[in-house]
Amino acid sequence: MLEYAVKLTHEPAAMSALDIDNLRSVGFSDRDILDIAEVTAYYAYANRIADGLGVSTEPWIFDS
């Protein structure tokens, strides 16, 4: 799951049916895979909106 999410985040054009098959082979349902893709895509979207608008983090969040 995490390998899928990282690949979707960093190399979305490289995704293939094999990525889906790999998730299915370890027990993820099609609904699970949809949820993984949607959550990954949502966080990418939300972070790009925040970065694009110059939104700063809350003071209690430490940058490492």
Protein backbone atom coordinates (compact mmCIF):
# COMPACT_ATOMS: atom_id res chain seq x y z
CA MET A 1 0.00 0.00 0.00
CA LEU A 2 2.70 2.45 0.93
CA GLU A 3 4.75 1.66 -2.16
CA TYR A 4 1.64 2.32 -4.25
CA ALA A 5 0.97 5.65 -2.50
CA VAL A 6 4.59 6.80 -2.89
CA LYS A 7 4.64 5.86 -6.57
CA LEU A 8 1.29 7.60 -7.17
CA THR A 9 2.65 10.71 -5.47
CA HIS A 10 6.05 10.86 -7.17
CA GLU A 11 5.46 9.14 -10.53
CA PRO A 12 1.74 9.22 -11.35
CA ALA A 13 2.32 8.72 -15.09
CA ALA A 14 4.18 5.48 -14.34
CA MET A 15 1.21 3.79 -12.68
CA SER A 16 0.01 0.61 -14.40
CA ALA A 17 -2.38 -2.28 -13.98
CA LEU A 18 0.45 -4.16 -12.30
CA ASP A 19 0.32 -1.72 -9.39
CA ILE A 20 -3.35 -2.59 -8.89
CA ASP A 21 -2.67 -6.30 -9.29
CA ASN A 22 0.04 -6.10 -6.62
CA LEU A 23 -2.44 -4.62 -4.15
CA ARG A 24 -5.06 -7.23 -4.98
CA SER A 25 -2.50 -10.01 -4.54
CA VAL A 26 -1.97 -9.05 -0.90
CA GLY A 27 -5.68 -8.86 -0.13
CA PHE A 28 -6.84 -5.33 -0.92
CA SER A 29 -10.31 -5.14 -2.46
CA ASP A 30 -11.15 -2.83 -5.33
CA ARG A 31 -12.88 -0.54 -2.80
CA ASP A 32 -9.73 -0.52 -0.65
CA ILE A 33 -7.64 0.41 -3.69
CA LEU A 34 -10.04 3.22 -4.59
CA ASP A 35 -9.80 4.54 -1.02
CA ILE A 36 -5.98 4.40 -1.11
CA ALA A 37 -5.88 6.28 -4.42
CA GLU A 38 -8.40 8.89 -3.26
CA VAL A 39 -6.65 9.60 0.04
CA THR A 40 -3.26 9.82 -1.68
CA ALA A 41 -4.64 12.14 -4.36
CA TYR A 42 -6.48 14.30 -1.81
CA TYR A 43 -3.36 14.93 0.25
CA ALA A 44 -1.37 15.78 -2.88
CA TYR A 45 -4.12 18.20 -3.91
CA ALA A 46 -4.47 19.81 -0.47
CA ASN A 47 -0.72 20.25 -0.07
CA ARG A 48 -0.36 21.84 -3.53
CA ILE A 49 -3.20 24.27 -2.79
CA ALA A 50 -1.63 25.22 0.54
CA ASP A 51 1.84 25.56 -0.98
CA GLY A 52 0.50 27.50 -3.96
CA LEU A 53 -1.29 29.98 -1.73
CA GLY A 54 1.59 30.34 0.69
CA VAL A 55 -0.32 28.88 3.62
CA SER A 56 2.04 28.43 6.54
CA THR A 57 1.89 25.60 9.03
CA GLU A 58 0.45 26.00 12.47
CA PRO A 59 2.96 27.21 15.07
CA TRP A 60 2.77 23.88 16.92
CA ILE A 61 3.97 21.97 13.83
CA PHE A 62 7.75 21.74 13.76
CA ASP A 63 9.61 21.63 10.46
CA SER A 64 12.33 19.02 10.51
